[in-house]
Amino acid sequence: DRARLIRTKYSYNIKNHTYKIPVSIDMLDEFTYNDRKNFTLNHFLERI
């Protein structure tokens, strides 16, 4: 729609305290989304 805003890459998501990050196709096989951060997000945030 004409007024749409979209989250930028690496932006924080205040709803569930995660970040917009890139993932590979292979990572989708081990990726689960629930009310806790998954290992990929945890590792990314810890390093940053």
All heavy atoms as atom14 arrays in JSON, in Angstrom:
{
  "sequence": "DRARLIRTKYSYNIKNHTYKIPVSIDMLDEFTYNDRKNFTLNHFLERI",
  "atom14_mask": [
    [1, 1, 1, 1, 1, 1, 1, 1, 0, 0, 0, 0, 0, 0],
    [1, 1, 1, 1, 1, 1, 1, 1, 1, 1, 1, 0, 0, 0],
    [1, 1, 1, 1, 1, 0, 0, 0, 0, 0, 0, 0, 0, 0],
    [1, 1, 1, 1, 1, 1, 1, 1, 1, 1, 1, 0, 0, 0],
    [1, 1, 1, 1, 1, 1, 1, 1, 0, 0, 0, 0, 0, 0],
    [1, 1, 1, 1, 1, 1, 1, 1, 0, 0, 0, 0, 0, 0],
    [1, 1, 1, 1, 1, 1, 1, 1, 1, 1, 1, 0, 0, 0],
    [1, 1, 1, 1, 1, 1, 1, 0, 0, 0, 0, 0, 0, 0],
    [1, 1, 1, 1, 1, 1, 1, 1, 1, 0, 0, 0, 0, 0],
    [1, 1, 1, 1, 1, 1, 1, 1, 1, 1, 1, 1, 0, 0],
    [1, 1, 1, 1, 1, 1, 0, 0, 0, 0, 0, 0, 0, 0],
    [1, 1, 1, 1, 1, 1, 1, 1, 1, 1, 1, 1, 0, 0],
    [1, 1, 1, 1, 1, 1, 1, 1, 0, 0, 0, 0, 0, 0],
    [1, 1, 1, 1, 1, 1, 1, 1, 0, 0, 0, 0, 0, 0],
    [1, 1, 1, 1, 1, 1, 1, 1, 1, 0, 0, 0, 0, 0],
    [1, 1, 1, 1, 1, 1, 1, 1, 0, 0, 0, 0, 0, 0],
    [1, 1, 1, 1, 1, 1, 1, 1, 1, 1, 0, 0, 0, 0],
    [1, 1, 1, 1, 1, 1, 1, 0, 0, 0, 0, 0, 0, 0],
    [1, 1, 1, 1, 1, 1, 1, 1, 1, 1, 1, 1, 0, 0],
    [1, 1, 1, 1, 1, 1, 1, 1, 1, 0, 0, 0, 0, 0],
    [1, 1, 1, 1, 1, 1, 1, 1, 0, 0, 0, 0, 0, 0],
    [1, 1, 1, 1, 1, 1, 1, 0, 0, 0, 0, 0, 0, 0],
    [1, 1, 1, 1, 1, 1, 1, 0, 0, 0, 0, 0, 0, 0],
    [1, 1, 1, 1, 1, 1, 0, 0, 0, 0, 0, 0, 0, 0],
    [1, 1, 1, 1, 1, 1, 1, 1, 0, 0, 0, 0, 0, 0],
    [1, 1, 1, 1, 1, 1, 1, 1, 0, 0, 0, 0, 0, 0],
    [1, 1, 1, 1, 1, 1, 1, 1, 0, 0, 0, 0, 0, 0],
    [1, 1, 1, 1, 1, 1, 1, 1, 0, 0, 0, 0, 0, 0],
    [1, 1, 1, 1, 1, 1, 1, 1, 0, 0, 0, 0, 0, 0],
    [1, 1, 1, 1, 1, 1, 1, 1, 1, 0, 0, 0, 0, 0],
    [1, 1, 1, 1, 1, 1, 1, 1, 1, 1, 1, 0, 0, 0],
    [1, 1, 1, 1, 1, 1, 1, 0, 0, 0, 0, 0, 0, 0],
    [1, 1, 1, 1, 1, 1, 1, 1, 1, 1, 1, 1, 0, 0],
    [1, 1, 1, 1, 1, 1, 1, 1, 0, 0, 0, 0, 0, 0],
    [1, 1, 1, 1, 1, 1, 1, 1, 0, 0, 0, 0, 0, 0],
    [1, 1, 1, 1, 1, 1, 1, 1, 1, 1, 1, 0, 0, 0],
    [1, 1, 1, 1, 1, 1, 1, 1, 1, 0, 0, 0, 0, 0],
    [1, 1, 1, 1, 1, 1, 1, 1, 0, 0, 0, 0, 0, 0],
    [1, 1, 1, 1, 1, 1, 1, 1, 1, 1, 1, 0, 0, 0],
    [1, 1, 1, 1, 1, 1, 1, 0, 0, 0, 0, 0, 0, 0],
    [1, 1, 1, 1, 1, 1, 1, 1, 0, 0, 0, 0, 0, 0],
    [1, 1, 1, 1, 1, 1, 1, 1, 0, 0, 0, 0, 0, 0],
    [1, 1, 1, 1, 1, 1, 1, 1, 1, 1, 0, 0, 0, 0],
    [1, 1, 1, 1, 1, 1, 1, 1, 1, 1, 1, 0, 0, 0],
    [1, 1, 1, 1, 1, 1, 1, 1, 0, 0, 0, 0, 0, 0],
    [1, 1, 1, 1, 1, 1, 1, 1, 1, 0, 0, 0, 0, 0],
    [1, 1, 1, 1, 1, 1, 1, 1, 1, 1, 1, 0, 0, 0],
    [1, 1, 1, 1, 1, 1, 1, 1, 0, 0, 0, 0, 0, 0]
  ],
  "atom14_positions": [
    [[0.85, -1.19, 0.0], [0.0, 0.0, 0.0], [0.89, 1.24, 0.0], [2.06, 1.18, 0.37], [-0.95, 0.0, 1.2], [-0.21, -0.02, 2.52], [0.33, 1.03, 2.92], [-0.17, -1.09, 3.17], [0.0, 0.0, 0.0], [0.0, 0.0, 0.0], [0.0, 0.0, 0.0], [0.0, 0.0, 0.0], [0.0, 0.0, 0.0], [0.0, 0.0, 0.0]],
    [[0.36, 2.35, -0.38], [1.15, 3.55, -0.64], [1.85, 4.1, 0.6], [2.87, 4.8, 0.48], [0.28, 4.64, -1.27], [-0.92, 5.03, -0.44], [-1.79, 6.07, -1.13], [-1.28, 7.43, -0.93], [-0.96, 8.26, -1.89], [-1.1, 7.9, -3.15], [-0.53, 9.48, -1.62], [0.0, 0.0, 0.0], [0.0, 0.0, 0.0], [0.0, 0.0, 0.0]],
    [[1.35, 3.81, 1.78], [1.91, 4.39, 3.0], [2.79, 3.42, 3.78], [3.23, 3.74, 4.88], [0.78, 4.86, 3.91], [0.0, 0.0, 0.0], [0.0, 0.0, 0.0], [0.0, 0.0, 0.0], [0.0, 0.0, 0.0], [0.0, 0.0, 0.0], [0.0, 0.0, 0.0], [0.0, 0.0, 0.0], [0.0, 0.0, 0.0], [0.0, 0.0, 0.0]],
    [[3.09, 2.27, 3.22], [3.76, 1.22, 3.97], [5.19, 1.58, 4.36], [5.98, 2.07, 3.56], [3.79, -0.06, 3.15], [4.46, -1.23, 3.84], [3.64, -1.79, 4.97], [2.34, -2.26, 4.52], [1.56, -3.03, 5.26], [1.93, -3.41, 6.48], [0.37, -3.41, 4.79], [0.0, 0.0, 0.0], [0.0, 0.0, 0.0], [0.0, 0.0, 0.0]],
    [[5.52, 1.32, 5.62], [6.88, 1.36, 6.12], [7.33, -0.07, 6.38], [6.52, -0.91, 6.81], [7.0, 2.17, 7.41], [6.62, 3.65, 7.36], [6.81, 4.27, 8.74], [7.45, 4.4, 6.32], [0.0, 0.0, 0.0], [0.0, 0.0, 0.0], [0.0, 0.0, 0.0], [0.0, 0.0, 0.0], [0.0, 0.0, 0.0], [0.0, 0.0, 0.0]],
    [[8.59, -0.36, 6.15], [9.11, -1.7, 6.36], [10.36, -1.63, 7.23], [11.15, -0.68, 7.14], [9.42, -2.4, 5.03], [9.78, -3.87, 5.27], [10.51, -1.67, 4.25], [9.81, -4.7, 4.02], [0.0, 0.0, 0.0], [0.0, 0.0, 0.0], [0.0, 0.0, 0.0], [0.0, 0.0, 0.0], [0.0, 0.0, 0.0], [0.0, 0.0, 0.0]],
    [[10.51, -2.62, 8.09], [11.66, -2.67, 8.99], [12.95, -2.77, 8.18], [13.06, -3.58, 7.27], [11.52, -3.88, 9.92], [12.43, -3.87, 11.12], [12.18, -5.09, 11.99], [10.78, -5.2, 12.38], [10.24, -4.54, 13.39], [10.99, -3.7, 14.11], [8.97, -4.69, 13.7], [0.0, 0.0, 0.0], [0.0, 0.0, 0.0], [0.0, 0.0, 0.0]],
    [[13.94, -1.95, 8.51], [15.21, -2.01, 7.81], [16.02, -3.22, 8.28], [15.77, -3.8, 9.34], [16.05, -0.74, 8.03], [16.39, -0.63, 9.42], [15.29, 0.49, 7.58], [0.0, 0.0, 0.0], [0.0, 0.0, 0.0], [0.0, 0.0, 0.0], [0.0, 0.0, 0.0], [0.0, 0.0, 0.0], [0.0, 0.0, 0.0], [0.0, 0.0, 0.0]],
    [[16.99, -3.58, 7.5], [17.86, -4.7, 7.85], [18.62, -4.4, 9.13], [19.12, -3.3, 9.32], [18.83, -4.98, 6.7], [18.11, -5.38, 5.41], [19.05, -5.45, 4.23], [18.29, -5.82, 2.96], [19.15, -5.85, 1.76], [0.0, 0.0, 0.0], [0.0, 0.0, 0.0], [0.0, 0.0, 0.0], [0.0, 0.0, 0.0], [0.0, 0.0, 0.0]],
    [[18.67, -5.38, 10.02], [19.32, -5.3, 11.33], [18.57, -4.42, 12.33], [19.09, -4.11, 13.39], [20.78, -4.86, 11.21], [21.6, -5.76, 10.33], [21.99, -5.36, 9.06], [21.96, -7.04, 10.76], [22.73, -6.19, 8.24], [22.69, -7.88, 9.94], [23.08, -7.45, 8.68], [23.79, -8.29, 7.88], [0.0, 0.0, 0.0], [0.0, 0.0, 0.0]],
    [[17.35, -4.04, 12.01], [16.56, -3.25, 12.95], [16.13, -4.11, 14.13], [15.89, -5.31, 14.02], [15.31, -2.69, 12.25], [14.41, -2.14, 13.19], [0.0, 0.0, 0.0], [0.0, 0.0, 0.0], [0.0, 0.0, 0.0], [0.0, 0.0, 0.0], [0.0, 0.0, 0.0], [0.0, 0.0, 0.0], [0.0, 0.0, 0.0], [0.0, 0.0, 0.0]],
    [[15.99, -3.49, 15.27], [15.45, -4.13, 16.47], [13.95, -4.3, 16.31], [13.27, -3.5, 15.66], [15.75, -3.25, 17.68], [15.37, -3.83, 19.02], [16.04, -4.93, 19.54], [14.35, -3.26, 19.78], [15.7, -5.45, 20.78], [14.0, -3.76, 21.02], [14.68, -4.86, 21.52], [14.33, -5.37, 22.74], [0.0, 0.0, 0.0], [0.0, 0.0, 0.0]],
    [[13.41, -5.37, 16.91], [11.96, -5.59, 16.94], [11.53, -5.59, 18.4], [11.79, -6.53, 19.14], [11.61, -6.93, 16.28], [10.11, -7.11, 16.11], [9.32, -6.71, 16.96], [9.7, -7.73, 15.01], [0.0, 0.0, 0.0], [0.0, 0.0, 0.0], [0.0, 0.0, 0.0], [0.0, 0.0, 0.0], [0.0, 0.0, 0.0], [0.0, 0.0, 0.0]],
    [[10.86, -4.52, 18.8], [10.51, -4.34, 20.21], [9.45, -5.34, 20.67], [9.31, -5.6, 21.87], [10.05, -2.89, 20.46], [10.1, -2.57, 21.96], [8.66, -2.67, 19.88], [9.87, -1.12, 22.27], [0.0, 0.0, 0.0], [0.0, 0.0, 0.0], [0.0, 0.0, 0.0], [0.0, 0.0, 0.0], [0.0, 0.0, 0.0], [0.0, 0.0, 0.0]],
    [[8.69, -5.92, 19.74], [7.63, -6.84, 20.11], [8.17, -8.08, 20.83], [7.55, -8.58, 21.76], [6.84, -7.27, 18.88], [6.04, -6.14, 18.23], [5.3, -6.66, 17.01], [4.51, -5.55, 16.34], [3.82, -6.04, 15.11], [0.0, 0.0, 0.0], [0.0, 0.0, 0.0], [0.0, 0.0, 0.0], [0.0, 0.0, 0.0], [0.0, 0.0, 0.0]],
    [[9.28, -8.59, 20.33], [9.82, -9.81, 20.94], [11.33, -9.75, 21.17], [11.97, -10.77, 21.38], [9.48, -11.03, 20.08], [9.9, -10.84, 18.63], [10.67, -9.94, 18.31], [9.38, -11.66, 17.75], [0.0, 0.0, 0.0], [0.0, 0.0, 0.0], [0.0, 0.0, 0.0], [0.0, 0.0, 0.0], [0.0, 0.0, 0.0], [0.0, 0.0, 0.0]],
    [[11.88, -8.52, 21.14], [13.28, -8.3, 21.49], [14.24, -9.11, 20.61], [15.17, -9.75, 21.1], [13.51, -8.62, 22.97], [12.51, -7.96, 23.88], [12.44, -6.58, 24.03], [11.53, -8.48, 24.66], [11.46, -6.28, 24.88], [10.89, -7.41, 25.27], [0.0, 0.0, 0.0], [0.0, 0.0, 0.0], [0.0, 0.0, 0.0], [0.0, 0.0, 0.0]],
    [[14.0, -9.06, 19.33], [14.88, -9.69, 18.37], [15.34, -8.65, 17.35], [14.93, -7.49, 17.4], [14.17, -10.84, 17.63], [13.0, -10.32, 16.98], [13.77, -11.95, 18.59], [0.0, 0.0, 0.0], [0.0, 0.0, 0.0], [0.0, 0.0, 0.0], [0.0, 0.0, 0.0], [0.0, 0.0, 0.0], [0.0, 0.0, 0.0], [0.0, 0.0, 0.0]],
    [[16.17, -9.07, 16.43], [16.66, -8.2, 15.38], [16.35, -8.81, 14.01], [16.26, -10.04, 13.88], [18.17, -7.99, 15.5], [18.57, -7.11, 16.66], [18.66, -7.62, 17.95], [18.85, -5.76, 16.47], [19.03, -6.81, 19.02], [19.22, -4.94, 17.53], [19.3, -5.47, 18.8], [19.65, -4.67, 19.85], [0.0, 0.0, 0.0], [0.0, 0.0, 0.0]],
    [[16.2, -7.97, 13.02], [16.05, -8.45, 11.66], [17.42, -8.86, 11.14], [18.3, -8.0, 10.97], [15.43, -7.37, 10.76], [15.23, -7.82, 9.31], [14.48, -6.79, 8.49], [14.37, -7.22, 7.05], [13.58, -6.29, 6.21], [0.0, 0.0, 0.0], [0.0, 0.0, 0.0], [0.0, 0.0, 0.0], [0.0, 0.0, 0.0], [0.0, 0.0, 0.0]],
    [[17.6, -10.15, 10.9], [18.91, -10.66, 10.51], [18.79, -11.58, 9.3], [17.73, -12.17, 9.06], [19.59, -11.44, 11.66], [18.72, -12.64, 12.05], [19.84, -10.53, 12.85], [19.41, -13.6, 12.99], [0.0, 0.0, 0.0], [0.0, 0.0, 0.0], [0.0, 0.0, 0.0], [0.0, 0.0, 0.0], [0.0, 0.0, 0.0], [0.0, 0.0, 0.0]],
    [[19.86, -11.72, 8.52], [19.83, -12.62, 7.37], [19.95, -14.07, 7.81], [20.64, -14.38, 8.78], [21.04, -12.18, 6.55], [21.99, -11.64, 7.56], [21.13, -10.99, 8.62], [0.0, 0.0, 0.0], [0.0, 0.0, 0.0], [0.0, 0.0, 0.0], [0.0, 0.0, 0.0], [0.0, 0.0, 0.0], [0.0, 0.0, 0.0], [0.0, 0.0, 0.0]],
    [[19.27, -14.95, 7.11], [19.4, -16.39, 7.36], [19.59, -17.08, 6.02], [19.14, -16.59, 4.98], [18.18, -16.98, 8.09], [18.0, -16.35, 9.45], [16.9, -16.8, 7.27], [0.0, 0.0, 0.0], [0.0, 0.0, 0.0], [0.0, 0.0, 0.0], [0.0, 0.0, 0.0], [0.0, 0.0, 0.0], [0.0, 0.0, 0.0], [0.0, 0.0, 0.0]],
    [[20.25, -18.23, 6.04], [20.43, -19.01, 4.82], [19.28, -19.99, 4.67], [18.52, -20.26, 5.61], [21.76, -19.77, 4.88], [21.69, -20.79, 5.86], [0.0, 0.0, 0.0], [0.0, 0.0, 0.0], [0.0, 0.0, 0.0], [0.0, 0.0, 0.0], [0.0, 0.0, 0.0], [0.0, 0.0, 0.0], [0.0, 0.0, 0.0], [0.0, 0.0, 0.0]],
    [[19.16, -20.55, 3.49], [18.12, -21.55, 3.26], [18.32, -22.75, 4.17], [17.37, -23.3, 4.74], [18.12, -21.98, 1.78], [17.72, -20.8, 0.89], [17.19, -23.16, 1.55], [17.79, -21.09, -0.6], [0.0, 0.0, 0.0], [0.0, 0.0, 0.0], [0.0, 0.0, 0.0], [0.0, 0.0, 0.0], [0.0, 0.0, 0.0], [0.0, 0.0, 0.0]],
    [[19.57, -23.18, 4.34], [19.86, -24.33, 5.2], [19.45, -24.08, 6.65], [19.04, -25.0, 7.35], [21.35, -24.67, 5.15], [21.78, -25.18, 3.78], [20.9, -25.66, 3.04], [22.98, -25.1, 3.47], [0.0, 0.0, 0.0], [0.0, 0.0, 0.0], [0.0, 0.0, 0.0], [0.0, 0.0, 0.0], [0.0, 0.0, 0.0], [0.0, 0.0, 0.0]],
    [[19.57, -22.85, 7.1], [19.24, -22.53, 8.49], [17.75, -22.68, 8.77], [17.35, -22.86, 9.92], [19.7, -21.11, 8.83], [21.21, -20.97, 8.95], [21.74, -19.25, 9.02], [20.94, -18.69, 10.51], [0.0, 0.0, 0.0], [0.0, 0.0, 0.0], [0.0, 0.0, 0.0], [0.0, 0.0, 0.0], [0.0, 0.0, 0.0], [0.0, 0.0, 0.0]],
    [[16.91, -22.62, 7.73], [15.47, -22.75, 7.94], [15.1, -24.12, 8.51], [14.1, -24.27, 9.19], [14.72, -22.53, 6.63], [14.68, -21.09, 6.1], [13.97, -21.05, 4.76], [14.0, -20.15, 7.09], [0.0, 0.0, 0.0], [0.0, 0.0, 0.0], [0.0, 0.0, 0.0], [0.0, 0.0, 0.0], [0.0, 0.0, 0.0], [0.0, 0.0, 0.0]],
    [[15.92, -25.14, 8.22], [15.63, -26.48, 8.72], [15.77, -26.58, 10.23], [15.17, -27.45, 10.86], [16.58, -27.5, 8.06], [16.29, -27.67, 6.58], [15.12, -27.51, 6.2], [17.23, -27.95, 5.82], [0.0, 0.0, 0.0], [0.0, 0.0, 0.0], [0.0, 0.0, 0.0], [0.0, 0.0, 0.0], [0.0, 0.0, 0.0], [0.0, 0.0, 0.0]],
    [[16.58, -25.69, 10.83], [16.79, -25.73, 12.27], [16.17, -24.52, 12.97], [16.35, -24.33, 14.16], [18.28, -25.78, 12.58], [18.98, -26.98, 11.98], [20.47, -27.0, 12.3], [20.93, -26.08, 13.01], [21.15, -27.92, 11.84], [0.0, 0.0, 0.0], [0.0, 0.0, 0.0], [0.0, 0.0, 0.0], [0.0, 0.0, 0.0], [0.0, 0.0, 0.0]],
    [[15.43, -23.74, 12.21], [14.91, -22.48, 12.71], [13.5, -22.7, 13.24], [12.63, -23.22, 12.55], [14.86, -21.46, 11.57], [14.9, -20.04, 12.02], [16.05, -19.29, 11.89], [13.78, -19.44, 12.58], [16.09, -17.96, 12.28], [13.82, -18.12, 12.98], [14.98, -17.38, 12.83], [0.0, 0.0, 0.0], [0.0, 0.0, 0.0], [0.0, 0.0, 0.0]],
    [[13.26, -22.32, 14.49], [11.91, -22.33, 15.04], [11.62, -20.97, 15.61], [12.5, -20.3, 16.16], [11.75, -23.38, 16.15], [12.68, -23.13, 17.19], [11.95, -24.78, 15.6], [0.0, 0.0, 0.0], [0.0, 0.0, 0.0], [0.0, 0.0, 0.0], [0.0, 0.0, 0.0], [0.0, 0.0, 0.0], [0.0, 0.0, 0.0], [0.0, 0.0, 0.0]],
    [[10.39, -20.55, 15.49], [9.98, -19.25, 16.03], [8.99, -19.48, 17.16], [7.93, -20.05, 16.96], [9.35, -18.38, 14.94], [8.78, -17.1, 15.47], [9.57, -16.25, 16.24], [7.46, -16.74, 15.22], [9.05, -15.07, 16.73], [6.94, -15.56, 15.71], [7.75, -14.73, 16.47], [7.22, -13.57, 16.96], [0.0, 0.0, 0.0], [0.0, 0.0, 0.0]],
    [[9.36, -19.08, 18.37], [8.45, -19.19, 19.49], [8.63, -17.97, 20.37], [9.12, -16.95, 19.92], [8.7, -20.49, 20.27], [10.18, -20.71, 20.54], [10.88, -19.78, 20.92], [10.66, -21.92, 20.3], [0.0, 0.0, 0.0], [0.0, 0.0, 0.0], [0.0, 0.0, 0.0], [0.0, 0.0, 0.0], [0.0, 0.0, 0.0], [0.0, 0.0, 0.0]],
    [[8.24, -18.05, 21.63], [8.3, -16.86, 22.46], [9.69, -16.63, 23.06], [9.87, -15.78, 23.91], [7.26, -16.95, 23.59], [7.45, -18.19, 24.44], [8.29, -19.03, 24.08], [6.74, -18.31, 25.45], [0.0, 0.0, 0.0], [0.0, 0.0, 0.0], [0.0, 0.0, 0.0], [0.0, 0.0, 0.0], [0.0, 0.0, 0.0], [0.0, 0.0, 0.0]],
    [[10.68, -17.39, 22.62], [12.06, -17.17, 23.06], [12.95, -17.01, 21.84], [12.67, -17.56, 20.78], [12.55, -18.35, 23.9], [11.77, -18.53, 25.2], [12.37, -19.64, 26.01], [11.63, -19.84, 27.25], [11.97, -20.73, 28.19], [13.02, -21.5, 28.02], [11.25, -20.85, 29.28], [0.0, 0.0, 0.0], [0.0, 0.0, 0.0], [0.0, 0.0, 0.0]],
    [[14.06, -16.33, 22.03], [14.99, -16.15, 20.93], [15.62, -17.5, 20.6], [15.98, -18.26, 21.48], [16.1, -15.16, 21.31], [15.62, -13.8, 21.75], [16.82, -12.91, 21.98], [16.42, -11.57, 22.57], [16.24, -11.64, 24.0], [0.0, 0.0, 0.0], [0.0, 0.0, 0.0], [0.0, 0.0, 0.0], [0.0, 0.0, 0.0], [0.0, 0.0, 0.0]],
    [[15.8, -17.81, 19.33], [16.47, -19.05, 18.96], [17.98, -18.87, 18.99], [18.49, -17.77, 19.2], [16.0, -19.51, 17.57], [16.28, -18.49, 16.5], [17.41, -18.09, 16.3], [15.24, -18.02, 15.83], [0.0, 0.0, 0.0], [0.0, 0.0, 0.0], [0.0, 0.0, 0.0], [0.0, 0.0, 0.0], [0.0, 0.0, 0.0], [0.0, 0.0, 0.0]],
    [[18.7, -19.96, 18.76], [20.15, -19.93, 18.94], [20.82, -18.97, 17.98], [21.82, -18.34, 18.32], [20.72, -21.34, 18.76], [20.73, -21.83, 17.34], [21.85, -21.65, 16.55], [19.63, -22.47, 16.8], [21.87, -22.09, 15.24], [19.63, -22.91, 15.49], [20.75, -22.73, 14.71], [0.0, 0.0, 0.0], [0.0, 0.0, 0.0], [0.0, 0.0, 0.0]],
    [[20.28, -18.81, 16.78], [20.89, -17.91, 15.81], [20.85, -16.47, 16.3], [21.84, -15.73, 16.25], [20.16, -18.01, 14.46], [20.16, -19.38, 14.03], [20.83, -17.15, 13.41], [0.0, 0.0, 0.0], [0.0, 0.0, 0.0], [0.0, 0.0, 0.0], [0.0, 0.0, 0.0], [0.0, 0.0, 0.0], [0.0, 0.0, 0.0], [0.0, 0.0, 0.0]],
    [[19.69, -16.05, 16.78], [19.54, -14.69, 17.27], [20.38, -14.45, 18.51], [21.0, -13.41, 18.68], [18.07, -14.42, 17.58], [17.1, -14.56, 16.4], [15.67, -14.34, 16.89], [17.43, -13.59, 15.32], [0.0, 0.0, 0.0], [0.0, 0.0, 0.0], [0.0, 0.0, 0.0], [0.0, 0.0, 0.0], [0.0, 0.0, 0.0], [0.0, 0.0, 0.0]],
    [[20.42, -15.45, 19.4], [21.22, -15.3, 20.63], [22.69, -15.1, 20.3], [23.37, -14.24, 20.86], [21.04, -16.53, 21.51], [19.77, -16.46, 22.34], [19.33, -15.39, 22.71], [19.18, -17.62, 22.61], [0.0, 0.0, 0.0], [0.0, 0.0, 0.0], [0.0, 0.0, 0.0], [0.0, 0.0, 0.0], [0.0, 0.0, 0.0], [0.0, 0.0, 0.0]],
    [[23.19, -15.92, 19.4], [24.59, -15.82, 19.04], [24.9, -14.46, 18.42], [25.9, -13.82, 18.75], [24.96, -16.93, 18.04], [26.37, -16.84, 17.53], [27.46, -17.14, 18.32], [26.87, -16.44, 16.34], [28.57, -16.97, 17.62], [28.24, -16.54, 16.42], [0.0, 0.0, 0.0], [0.0, 0.0, 0.0], [0.0, 0.0, 0.0], [0.0, 0.0, 0.0]],
    [[24.04, -14.02, 17.53], [24.22, -12.73, 16.87], [24.27, -11.59, 17.89], [25.17, -10.75, 17.87], [23.08, -12.51, 15.88], [23.08, -11.17, 15.2], [23.94, -10.9, 14.16], [22.2, -10.16, 15.61], [23.93, -9.67, 13.53], [22.19, -8.95, 14.99], [23.05, -8.7, 13.94], [0.0, 0.0, 0.0], [0.0, 0.0, 0.0], [0.0, 0.0, 0.0]],
    [[23.33, -11.58, 18.82], [23.26, -10.51, 19.8], [24.43, -10.55, 20.77], [24.95, -9.51, 21.17], [21.94, -10.6, 20.58], [20.67, -10.4, 19.74], [19.44, -10.53, 20.62], [20.68, -9.05, 19.06], [0.0, 0.0, 0.0], [0.0, 0.0, 0.0], [0.0, 0.0, 0.0], [0.0, 0.0, 0.0], [0.0, 0.0, 0.0], [0.0, 0.0, 0.0]],
    [[24.85, -11.76, 21.16], [25.98, -11.88, 22.08], [27.25, -11.3, 21.47], [28.0, -10.59, 22.13], [26.2, -13.35, 22.43], [25.13, -13.91, 23.37], [25.26, -15.41, 23.54], [26.2, -15.99, 22.94], [24.43, -15.99, 24.25], [0.0, 0.0, 0.0], [0.0, 0.0, 0.0], [0.0, 0.0, 0.0], [0.0, 0.0, 0.0], [0.0, 0.0, 0.0]],
    [[27.49, -11.6, 20.19], [28.7, -11.1, 19.53], [28.65, -9.57, 19.4], [29.64, -8.89, 19.67], [28.87, -11.72, 18.15], [28.98, -13.23, 18.14], [29.97, -13.76, 19.14], [31.3, -13.19, 18.96], [32.31, -13.37, 19.82], [32.11, -14.06, 20.93], [33.49, -12.84, 19.59], [0.0, 0.0, 0.0], [0.0, 0.0, 0.0], [0.0, 0.0, 0.0]],
    [[27.51, -9.02, 19.03], [27.38, -7.58, 18.87], [27.56, -6.88, 20.21], [28.2, -5.82, 20.3], [26.03, -7.21, 18.24], [25.97, -7.69, 16.79], [25.78, -5.71, 18.3], [27.02, -7.07, 15.89], [0.0, 0.0, 0.0], [0.0, 0.0, 0.0], [0.0, 0.0, 0.0], [0.0, 0.0, 0.0], [0.0, 0.0, 0.0], [0.0, 0.0, 0.0]]
  ]
}
